[in-house]
Amino acid sequence: MFAVILKYKKPLEEVERHTLAHRAFLDECVAQGILIMSGRQTPPTGGVVIAKADSREQLEALLAKDPFHLAGVADYEIYEFTPGKYQPVLKELIEA
């Protein structure tokens, strides 16, 4: 399991120009079963993604296609972790 922290490196106005394409990209990640959840940080200085990928390399290759990455408006920090405690409703997803 991975947590990805996005940090905007351009003004929010520039980030916003790429948000629709970024959200379409995230929809594709959901359809592939990789994206578990995502959202913008509060205040809007970046975002957070929780993902389940086969490897860090797979996730890095996927994130390289993110319109935010392609436009150079965000940096990514990737943290791999093993869930120890979670809500029962997530059990099937996490243990699959």
PDB file of N, CA and C in Angstrom:
ATOM      1  N   MET A   1       0.862  -1.159   0.000  1.00  0.00           N
ATOM      2  CA  MET A   1       0.000   0.000   0.000  1.00  0.00           C
ATOM      3  C   MET A   1       0.910   1.223   0.000  1.00  0.00           C
ATOM      4  N   PHE A   2       0.417   2.308  -0.612  1.00  0.00           N
ATOM      5  CA  PHE A   2       1.228   3.513  -0.745  1.00  0.00           C
ATOM      6  C   PHE A   2       0.412   4.748  -0.398  1.00  0.00           C
ATOM      7  N   ALA A   3       1.080   5.689   0.241  1.00  0.00           N
ATOM      8  CA  ALA A   3       0.540   7.031   0.425  1.00  0.00           C
ATOM      9  C   ALA A   3       1.401   7.949  -0.429  1.00  0.00           C
ATOM     10  N   VAL A   4       0.760   8.765  -1.221  1.00  0.00           N
ATOM     11  CA  VAL A   4       1.470   9.714  -2.082  1.00  0.00           C
ATOM     12  C   VAL A   4       1.037  11.113  -1.672  1.00  0.00           C
ATOM     13  N   ILE A   5       2.013  11.941  -1.361  1.00  0.00           N
ATOM     14  CA  ILE A   5       1.748  13.325  -1.003  1.00  0.00           C
ATOM     15  C   ILE A   5       2.170  14.201  -2.177  1.00  0.00           C
ATOM     16  N   LEU A   6       1.214  14.919  -2.734  1.00  0.00           N
ATOM     17  CA  LEU A   6       1.503  15.866  -3.803  1.00  0.00           C
ATOM     18  C   LEU A   6       1.678  17.242  -3.190  1.00  0.00           C
ATOM     19  N   LYS A   7       2.700  17.939  -3.658  1.00  0.00           N
ATOM     20  CA  LYS A   7       2.928  19.314  -3.221  1.00  0.00           C
ATOM     21  C   LYS A   7       2.963  20.192  -4.465  1.00  0.00           C
ATOM     22  N   TYR A   8       2.056  21.164  -4.490  1.00  0.00           N
ATOM     23  CA  TYR A   8       2.025  22.066  -5.631  1.00  0.00           C
ATOM     24  C   TYR A   8       3.295  22.904  -5.641  1.00  0.00           C
ATOM     25  N   LYS A   9       3.884  23.036  -6.826  1.00  0.00           N
ATOM     26  CA  LYS A   9       5.079  23.859  -6.949  1.00  0.00           C
ATOM     27  C   LYS A   9       4.858  25.059  -7.865  1.00  0.00           C
ATOM     28  N   LYS A  10       3.613  25.247  -8.263  1.00  0.00           N
ATOM     29  CA  LYS A  10       3.204  26.390  -9.075  1.00  0.00           C
ATOM     30  C   LYS A  10       2.014  27.046  -8.380  1.00  0.00           C
ATOM     31  N   PRO A  11       1.702  28.296  -8.719  1.00  0.00           N
ATOM     32  CA  PRO A  11       0.529  28.947  -8.118  1.00  0.00           C
ATOM     33  C   PRO A  11      -0.755  28.145  -8.381  1.00  0.00           C
ATOM     34  N   LEU A  12      -1.678  28.243  -7.454  1.00  0.00           N
ATOM     35  CA  LEU A  12      -2.929  27.491  -7.541  1.00  0.00           C
ATOM     36  C   LEU A  12      -3.667  27.762  -8.853  1.00  0.00           C
ATOM     37  N   GLU A  13      -3.583  28.963  -9.363  1.00  0.00           N
ATOM     38  CA  GLU A  13      -4.245  29.284 -10.627  1.00  0.00           C
ATOM     39  C   GLU A  13      -3.707  28.412 -11.762  1.00  0.00           C
ATOM     40  N   GLU A  14      -2.407  28.156 -11.755  1.00  0.00           N
ATOM     41  CA  GLU A  14      -1.818  27.306 -12.786  1.00  0.00           C
ATOM     42  C   GLU A  14      -2.198  25.843 -12.564  1.00  0.00           C
ATOM     43  N   VAL A  15      -2.209  25.415 -11.312  1.00  0.00           N
ATOM     44  CA  VAL A  15      -2.625  24.050 -10.985  1.00  0.00           C
ATOM     45  C   VAL A  15      -4.049  23.808 -11.480  1.00  0.00           C
ATOM     46  N   GLU A  16      -4.932  24.783 -11.234  1.00  0.00           N
ATOM     47  CA  GLU A  16      -6.343  24.647 -11.603  1.00  0.00           C
ATOM     48  C   GLU A  16      -6.535  24.409 -13.102  1.00  0.00           C
ATOM     49  N   ARG A  17      -5.643  24.922 -13.935  1.00  0.00           N
ATOM     50  CA  ARG A  17      -5.761  24.730 -15.382  1.00  0.00           C
ATOM     51  C   ARG A  17      -5.606  23.260 -15.770  1.00  0.00           C
ATOM     52  N   HIS A  18      -5.035  22.456 -14.901  1.00  0.00           N
ATOM     53  CA  HIS A  18      -4.783  21.043 -15.193  1.00  0.00           C
ATOM     54  C   HIS A  18      -5.647  20.100 -14.347  1.00  0.00           C
ATOM     55  N   THR A  19      -6.525  20.672 -13.535  1.00  0.00           N
ATOM     56  CA  THR A  19      -7.293  19.858 -12.587  1.00  0.00           C
ATOM     57  C   THR A  19      -8.261  18.902 -13.271  1.00  0.00           C
ATOM     58  N   LEU A  20      -8.961  19.328 -14.314  1.00  0.00           N
ATOM     59  CA  LEU A  20      -9.900  18.424 -14.989  1.00  0.00           C
ATOM     60  C   LEU A  20      -9.173  17.220 -15.575  1.00  0.00           C
ATOM     61  N   ALA A  21      -8.043  17.441 -16.218  1.00  0.00           N
ATOM     62  CA  ALA A  21      -7.271  16.331 -16.780  1.00  0.00           C
ATOM     63  C   ALA A  21      -6.730  15.438 -15.670  1.00  0.00           C
ATOM     64  N   HIS A  22      -6.298  16.036 -14.564  1.00  0.00           N
ATOM     65  CA  HIS A  22      -5.795  15.269 -13.412  1.00  0.00           C
ATOM     66  C   HIS A  22      -6.900  14.383 -12.842  1.00  0.00           C
ATOM     67  N   ARG A  23      -8.099  14.925 -12.720  1.00  0.00           N
ATOM     68  CA  ARG A  23      -9.218  14.132 -12.188  1.00  0.00           C
ATOM     69  C   ARG A  23      -9.607  13.003 -13.134  1.00  0.00           C
ATOM     70  N   ALA A  24      -9.533  13.237 -14.426  1.00  0.00           N
ATOM     71  CA  ALA A  24      -9.796  12.164 -15.394  1.00  0.00           C
ATOM     72  C   ALA A  24      -8.744  11.065 -15.251  1.00  0.00           C
ATOM     73  N   PHE A  25      -7.503  11.458 -15.040  1.00  0.00           N
ATOM     74  CA  PHE A  25      -6.428  10.498 -14.790  1.00  0.00           C
ATOM     75  C   PHE A  25      -6.732   9.680 -13.536  1.00  0.00           C
ATOM     76  N   LEU A  26      -7.161  10.345 -12.474  1.00  0.00           N
ATOM     77  CA  LEU A  26      -7.499   9.639 -11.229  1.00  0.00           C
ATOM     78  C   LEU A  26      -8.654   8.667 -11.444  1.00  0.00           C
ATOM     79  N   ASP A  27      -9.638   9.059 -12.256  1.00  0.00           N
ATOM     80  CA  ASP A  27     -10.753   8.154 -12.575  1.00  0.00           C
ATOM     81  C   ASP A  27     -10.234   6.876 -13.235  1.00  0.00           C
ATOM     82  N   GLU A  28      -9.256   7.003 -14.123  1.00  0.00           N
ATOM     83  CA  GLU A  28      -8.652   5.834 -14.768  1.00  0.00           C
ATOM     84  C   GLU A  28      -7.946   4.953 -13.734  1.00  0.00           C
ATOM     85  N   CYS A  29      -7.297   5.586 -12.767  1.00  0.00           N
ATOM     86  CA  CYS A  29      -6.603   4.833 -11.714  1.00  0.00           C
ATOM     87  C   CYS A  29      -7.589   4.071 -10.836  1.00  0.00           C
ATOM     88  N   VAL A  30      -8.762   4.667 -10.596  1.00  0.00           N
ATOM     89  CA  VAL A  30      -9.817   3.975  -9.851  1.00  0.00           C
ATOM     90  C   VAL A  30     -10.280   2.766 -10.653  1.00  0.00           C
ATOM     91  N   ALA A  31     -10.513   2.967 -11.943  1.00  0.00           N
ATOM     92  CA  ALA A  31     -10.995   1.879 -12.808  1.00  0.00           C
ATOM     93  C   ALA A  31      -9.984   0.729 -12.870  1.00  0.00           C
ATOM     94  N   GLN A  32      -8.707   1.034 -12.765  1.00  0.00           N
ATOM     95  CA  GLN A  32      -7.660   0.009 -12.783  1.00  0.00           C
ATOM     96  C   GLN A  32      -7.517  -0.699 -11.429  1.00  0.00           C
ATOM     97  N   GLY A  33      -8.206  -0.191 -10.411  1.00  0.00           N
ATOM     98  CA  GLY A  33      -8.118  -0.793  -9.085  1.00  0.00           C
ATOM     99  C   GLY A  33      -6.895  -0.370  -8.302  1.00  0.00           C
ATOM    100  N   ILE A  34      -6.184   0.651  -8.759  1.00  0.00           N
ATOM    101  CA  ILE A  34      -4.969   1.096  -8.077  1.00  0.00           C
ATOM    102  C   ILE A  34      -5.278   2.193  -7.059  1.00  0.00           C
ATOM    103  N   LEU A  35      -6.105   3.145  -7.432  1.00  0.00           N
ATOM    104  CA  LEU A  35      -6.431   4.258  -6.546  1.00  0.00           C
ATOM    105  C   LEU A  35      -7.501   3.834  -5.555  1.00  0.00           C
ATOM    106  N   ILE A  36      -7.224   4.017  -4.282  1.00  0.00           N
ATOM    107  CA  ILE A  36      -8.198   3.717  -3.238  1.00  0.00           C
ATOM    108  C   ILE A  36      -8.960   4.981  -2.856  1.00  0.00           C
ATOM    109  N   MET A  37      -8.221   6.078  -2.664  1.00  0.00           N
ATOM    110  CA  MET A  37      -8.851   7.358  -2.368  1.00  0.00           C
ATOM    111  C   MET A  37      -7.856   8.472  -2.647  1.00  0.00           C
ATOM    112  N   SER A  38      -8.405   9.657  -2.883  1.00  0.00           N
ATOM    113  CA  SER A  38      -7.547  10.819  -3.104  1.00  0.00           C
ATOM    114  C   SER A  38      -8.318  12.074  -2.732  1.00  0.00           C
ATOM    115  N   GLY A  39      -7.586  13.145  -2.536  1.00  0.00           N
ATOM    116  CA  GLY A  39      -8.231  14.419  -2.245  1.00  0.00           C
ATOM    117  C   GLY A  39      -7.215  15.529  -2.106  1.00  0.00           C
ATOM    118  N   ARG A  40      -7.717  16.734  -2.208  1.00  0.00           N
ATOM    119  CA  ARG A  40      -6.880  17.926  -2.078  1.00  0.00           C
ATOM    120  C   ARG A  40      -6.622  18.199  -0.605  1.00  0.00           C
ATOM    121  N   GLN A  41      -5.433  18.664  -0.298  1.00  0.00           N
ATOM    122  CA  GLN A  41      -5.112  19.067   1.065  1.00  0.00           C
ATOM    123  C   GLN A  41      -5.875  20.341   1.425  1.00  0.00           C
ATOM    124  N   THR A  42      -6.060  20.544   2.709  1.00  0.00           N
ATOM    125  CA  THR A  42      -6.692  21.754   3.220  1.00  0.00           C
ATOM    126  C   THR A  42      -5.710  22.429   4.157  1.00  0.00           C
ATOM    127  N   PRO A  43      -5.248  23.635   3.813  1.00  0.00           N
ATOM    128  CA  PRO A  43      -5.532  24.444   2.640  1.00  0.00           C
ATOM    129  C   PRO A  43      -4.970  23.795   1.371  1.00  0.00           C
ATOM    130  N   PRO A  44      -5.378  24.279   0.189  1.00  0.00           N
ATOM    131  CA  PRO A  44      -5.012  23.624  -1.070  1.00  0.00           C
ATOM    132  C   PRO A  44      -3.552  23.849  -1.485  1.00  0.00           C
ATOM    133  N   THR A  45      -2.659  23.123  -0.831  1.00  0.00           N
ATOM    134  CA  THR A  45      -1.223  23.214  -1.135  1.00  0.00           C
ATOM    135  C   THR A  45      -0.720  21.963  -1.847  1.00  0.00           C
ATOM    136  N   GLY A  46      -1.625  21.023  -2.088  1.00  0.00           N
ATOM    137  CA  GLY A  46      -1.268  19.760  -2.726  1.00  0.00           C
ATOM    138  C   GLY A  46      -2.397  18.765  -2.544  1.00  0.00           C
ATOM    139  N   GLY A  47      -2.054  17.492  -2.617  1.00  0.00           N
ATOM    140  CA  GLY A  47      -3.067  16.459  -2.488  1.00  0.00           C
ATOM    141  C   GLY A  47      -2.509  15.225  -1.803  1.00  0.00           C
ATOM    142  N   VAL A  48      -3.400  14.276  -1.559  1.00  0.00           N
ATOM    143  CA  VAL A  48      -3.044  13.007  -0.935  1.00  0.00           C
ATOM    144  C   VAL A  48      -3.696  11.895  -1.739  1.00  0.00           C
ATOM    145  N   VAL A  49      -2.928  10.851  -2.022  1.00  0.00           N
ATOM    146  CA  VAL A  49      -3.426   9.687  -2.743  1.00  0.00           C
ATOM    147  C   VAL A  49      -3.088   8.447  -1.921  1.00  0.00           C
ATOM    148  N   ILE A  50      -4.048   7.573  -1.743  1.00  0.00           N
ATOM    149  CA  ILE A  50      -3.801   6.257  -1.162  1.00  0.00           C
ATOM    150  C   ILE A  50      -4.002   5.266  -2.298  1.00  0.00           C
ATOM    151  N   ALA A  51      -2.968   4.463  -2.540  1.00  0.00           N
ATOM    152  CA  ALA A  51      -2.985   3.570  -3.698  1.00  0.00           C
ATOM    153  C   ALA A  51      -2.512   2.177  -3.312  1.00  0.00           C
ATOM    154  N   LYS A  52      -2.985   1.212  -4.087  1.00  0.00           N
ATOM    155  CA  LYS A  52      -2.526  -0.167  -3.930  1.00  0.00           C
ATOM    156  C   LYS A  52      -1.951  -0.591  -5.274  1.00  0.00           C
ATOM    157  N   ALA A  53      -0.639  -0.685  -5.327  1.00  0.00           N
ATOM    158  CA  ALA A  53       0.060  -1.058  -6.553  1.00  0.00           C
ATOM    159  C   ALA A  53       0.890  -2.301  -6.286  1.00  0.00           C
ATOM    160  N   ASP A  54       1.250  -3.006  -7.348  1.00  0.00           N
ATOM    161  CA  ASP A  54       2.075  -4.207  -7.206  1.00  0.00           C
ATOM    162  C   ASP A  54       3.485  -3.875  -6.737  1.00  0.00           C
ATOM    163  N   SER A  55       3.955  -2.672  -7.088  1.00  0.00           N
ATOM    164  CA  SER A  55       5.305  -2.263  -6.706  1.00  0.00           C
ATOM    165  C   SER A  55       5.410  -0.742  -6.763  1.00  0.00           C
ATOM    166  N   ARG A  56       6.452  -0.242  -6.129  1.00  0.00           N
ATOM    167  CA  ARG A  56       6.729   1.194  -6.190  1.00  0.00           C
ATOM    168  C   ARG A  56       6.994   1.611  -7.637  1.00  0.00           C
ATOM    169  N   GLU A  57       7.693   0.754  -8.372  1.00  0.00           N
ATOM    170  CA  GLU A  57       8.005   1.057  -9.768  1.00  0.00           C
ATOM    171  C   GLU A  57       6.736   1.188 -10.600  1.00  0.00           C
ATOM    172  N   GLN A  58       5.760   0.310 -10.375  1.00  0.00           N
ATOM    173  CA  GLN A  58       4.493   0.402 -11.085  1.00  0.00           C
ATOM    174  C   GLN A  58       3.807   1.730 -10.771  1.00  0.00           C
ATOM    175  N   LEU A  59       3.806   2.101  -9.514  1.00  0.00           N
ATOM    176  CA  LEU A  59       3.156   3.345  -9.108  1.00  0.00           C
ATOM    177  C   LEU A  59       3.890   4.554  -9.695  1.00  0.00           C
ATOM    178  N   GLU A  60       5.214   4.539  -9.653  1.00  0.00           N
ATOM    179  CA  GLU A  60       5.989   5.645 -10.222  1.00  0.00           C
ATOM    180  C   GLU A  60       5.719   5.793 -11.718  1.00  0.00           C
ATOM    181  N   ALA A  61       5.650   4.686 -12.426  1.00  0.00           N
ATOM    182  CA  ALA A  61       5.363   4.732 -13.870  1.00  0.00           C
ATOM    183  C   ALA A  61       3.977   5.300 -14.125  1.00  0.00           C
ATOM    184  N   LEU A  62       3.019   4.945 -13.285  1.00  0.00           N
ATOM    185  CA  LEU A  62       1.669   5.472 -13.431  1.00  0.00           C
ATOM    186  C   LEU A  62       1.642   6.968 -13.150  1.00  0.00           C
ATOM    187  N   LEU A  63       2.270   7.401 -12.065  1.00  0.00           N
ATOM    188  CA  LEU A  63       2.270   8.819 -11.702  1.00  0.00           C
ATOM    189  C   LEU A  63       2.984   9.676 -12.742  1.00  0.00           C
ATOM    190  N   ALA A  64       3.907   9.088 -13.471  1.00  0.00           N
ATOM    191  CA  ALA A  64       4.603   9.825 -14.533  1.00  0.00           C
ATOM    192  C   ALA A  64       3.644  10.253 -15.643  1.00  0.00           C
ATOM    193  N   LYS A  65       2.461   9.625 -15.704  1.00  0.00           N
ATOM    194  CA  LYS A  65       1.454   9.953 -16.713  1.00  0.00           C
ATOM    195  C   LYS A  65       0.422  10.961 -16.203  1.00  0.00           C
ATOM    196  N   ASP A  66       0.511  11.323 -14.927  1.00  0.00           N
ATOM    197  CA  ASP A  66      -0.429  12.272 -14.332  1.00  0.00           C
ATOM    198  C   ASP A  66      -0.257  13.639 -14.998  1.00  0.00           C
ATOM    199  N   PRO A  67      -1.347  14.248 -15.447  1.00  0.00           N
ATOM    200  CA  PRO A  67      -1.246  15.583 -16.042  1.00  0.00           C
ATOM    201  C   PRO A  67      -0.568  16.615 -15.134  1.00  0.00           C
ATOM    202  N   PHE A  68      -0.707  16.490 -13.823  1.00  0.00           N
ATOM    203  CA  PHE A  68       0.011  17.400 -12.922  1.00  0.00           C
ATOM    204  C   PHE A  68       1.519  17.226 -13.078  1.00  0.00           C
ATOM    205  N   HIS A  69       1.963  15.989 -13.207  1.00  0.00           N
ATOM    206  CA  HIS A  69       3.392  15.725 -13.418  1.00  0.00           C
ATOM    207  C   HIS A  69       3.828  16.233 -14.788  1.00  0.00           C
ATOM    208  N   LEU A  70       3.063  15.913 -15.806  1.00  0.00           N
ATOM    209  CA  LEU A  70       3.411  16.307 -17.164  1.00  0.00           C
ATOM    210  C   LEU A  70       3.479  17.825 -17.318  1.00  0.00           C
ATOM    211  N   ALA A  71       2.634  18.543 -16.579  1.00  0.00           N
ATOM    212  CA  ALA A  71       2.629  20.002 -16.640  1.00  0.00           C
ATOM    213  C   ALA A  71       3.642  20.627 -15.681  1.00  0.00           C
ATOM    214  N   GLY A  72       4.249  19.803 -14.829  1.00  0.00           N
ATOM    215  CA  GLY A  72       5.243  20.316 -13.894  1.00  0.00           C
ATOM    216  C   GLY A  72       4.682  21.173 -12.782  1.00  0.00           C
ATOM    217  N   VAL A  73       3.436  20.897 -12.367  1.00  0.00           N
ATOM    218  CA  VAL A  73       2.820  21.726 -11.328  1.00  0.00           C
ATOM    219  C   VAL A  73       2.859  21.090  -9.934  1.00  0.00           C
ATOM    220  N   ALA A  74       3.301  19.827  -9.842  1.00  0.00           N
ATOM    221  CA  ALA A  74       3.317  19.160  -8.532  1.00  0.00           C
ATOM    222  C   ALA A  74       4.517  18.234  -8.420  1.00  0.00           C
ATOM    223  N   ASP A  75       5.002  18.105  -7.197  1.00  0.00           N
ATOM    224  CA  ASP A  75       6.013  17.107  -6.851  1.00  0.00           C
ATOM    225  C   ASP A  75       5.313  16.005  -6.065  1.00  0.00           C
ATOM    226  N   TYR A  76       5.900  14.812  -6.069  1.00  0.00           N
ATOM    227  CA  TYR A  76       5.299  13.650  -5.426  1.00  0.00           C
ATOM    228  C   TYR A  76       6.274  13.037  -4.421  1.00  0.00           C
ATOM    229  N   GLU A  77       5.781  12.736  -3.234  1.00  0.00           N
ATOM    230  CA  GLU A  77       6.524  11.966  -2.248  1.00  0.00           C
ATOM    231  C   GLU A  77       5.750  10.664  -2.056  1.00  0.00           C
ATOM    232  N   ILE A  78       6.422   9.541  -2.222  1.00  0.00           N
ATOM    233  CA  ILE A  78       5.765   8.235  -2.136  1.00  0.00           C
ATOM    234  C   ILE A  78       6.252   7.520  -0.875  1.00  0.00           C
ATOM    235  N   TYR A  79       5.300   7.054  -0.099  1.00  0.00           N
ATOM    236  CA  TYR A  79       5.594   6.307   1.125  1.00  0.00           C
ATOM    237  C   TYR A  79       4.914   4.948   1.034  1.00  0.00           C
ATOM    238  N   GLU A  80       5.691   3.893   1.150  1.00  0.00           N
ATOM    239  CA  GLU A  80       5.111   2.549   1.176  1.00  0.00           C
ATOM    240  C   GLU A  80       4.837   2.177   2.627  1.00  0.00           C
ATOM    241  N   PHE A  81       3.703   1.530   2.858  1.00  0.00           N
ATOM    242  CA  PHE A  81       3.380   1.100   4.217  1.00  0.00           C
ATOM    243  C   PHE A  81       2.542  -0.167   4.170  1.00  0.00           C
ATOM    244  N   THR A  82       2.536  -0.862   5.295  1.00  0.00           N
ATOM    245  CA  THR A  82       1.721  -2.064   5.454  1.00  0.00           C
ATOM    246  C   THR A  82       0.616  -1.737   6.451  1.00  0.00           C
ATOM    247  N   PRO A  83      -0.641  -1.725   6.011  1.00  0.00           N
ATOM    248  CA  PRO A  83      -1.728  -1.411   6.929  1.00  0.00           C
ATOM    249  C   PRO A  83      -1.793  -2.417   8.074  1.00  0.00           C
ATOM    250  N   GLY A  84      -1.861  -1.894   9.266  1.00  0.00           N
ATOM    251  CA  GLY A  84      -1.972  -2.743  10.442  1.00  0.00           C
ATOM    252  C   GLY A  84      -3.363  -2.658  11.049  1.00  0.00           C
ATOM    253  N   LYS A  85      -3.899  -1.487  11.103  1.00  0.00           N
ATOM    254  CA  LYS A  85      -5.250  -1.249  11.628  1.00  0.00           C
ATOM    255  C   LYS A  85      -6.047  -0.520  10.556  1.00  0.00           C
ATOM    256  N   TYR A  86      -7.290  -0.932  10.391  1.00  0.00           N
ATOM    257  CA  TYR A  86      -8.157  -0.307   9.403  1.00  0.00           C
ATOM    258  C   TYR A  86      -9.594  -0.673   9.704  1.00  0.00           C
ATOM    259  N   GLN A  87     -10.510   0.077   9.133  1.00  0.00           N
ATOM    260  CA  GLN A  87     -11.923  -0.192   9.299  1.00  0.00           C
ATOM    261  C   GLN A  87     -12.270  -1.529   8.637  1.00  0.00           C
ATOM    262  N   PRO A  88     -13.131  -2.322   9.259  1.00  0.00           N
ATOM    263  CA  PRO A  88     -13.490  -3.626   8.696  1.00  0.00           C
ATOM    264  C   PRO A  88     -13.977  -3.568   7.252  1.00  0.00           C
ATOM    265  N   VAL A  89     -14.615  -2.493   6.860  1.00  0.00           N
ATOM    266  CA  VAL A  89     -15.129  -2.381   5.495  1.00  0.00           C
ATOM    267  C   VAL A  89     -13.984  -2.401   4.470  1.00  0.00           C
ATOM    268  N   LEU A  90     -12.773  -2.103   4.883  1.00  0.00           N
ATOM    269  CA  LEU A  90     -11.614  -2.094   3.987  1.00  0.00           C
ATOM    270  C   LEU A  90     -10.871  -3.426   3.930  1.00  0.00           C
ATOM    271  N   LYS A  91     -11.273  -4.387   4.753  1.00  0.00           N
ATOM    272  CA  LYS A  91     -10.531  -5.643   4.869  1.00  0.00           C
ATOM    273  C   LYS A  91     -10.330  -6.339   3.514  1.00  0.00           C
ATOM    274  N   GLU A  92     -11.372  -6.525   2.737  1.00  0.00           N
ATOM    275  CA  GLU A  92     -11.261  -7.230   1.465  1.00  0.00           C
ATOM    276  C   GLU A  92     -10.322  -6.502   0.512  1.00  0.00           C
ATOM    277  N   LEU A  93     -10.412  -5.194   0.473  1.00  0.00           N
ATOM    278  CA  LEU A  93      -9.563  -4.390  -0.400  1.00  0.00           C
ATOM    279  C   LEU A  93      -8.092  -4.499   0.001  1.00  0.00           C
ATOM    280  N   ILE A  94      -7.816  -4.407   1.275  1.00  0.00           N
ATOM    281  CA  ILE A  94      -6.434  -4.411   1.760  1.00  0.00           C
ATOM    282  C   ILE A  94      -5.812  -5.800   1.676  1.00  0.00           C
ATOM    283  N   GLU A  95      -6.586  -6.825   1.956  1.00  0.00           N
ATOM    284  CA  GLU A  95      -6.015  -8.168   1.989  1.00  0.00           C
ATOM    285  C   GLU A  95      -6.018  -8.856   0.634  1.00  0.00           C
ATOM    286  N   ALA A  96      -6.615  -8.241  -0.389  1.00  0.00           N
ATOM    287  CA  ALA A  96      -6.669  -8.858  -1.735  1.00  0.00           C
ATOM    288  C   ALA A  96      -5.282  -8.925  -2.354  1.00  0.00           C
TER     289      ALA A  96
END
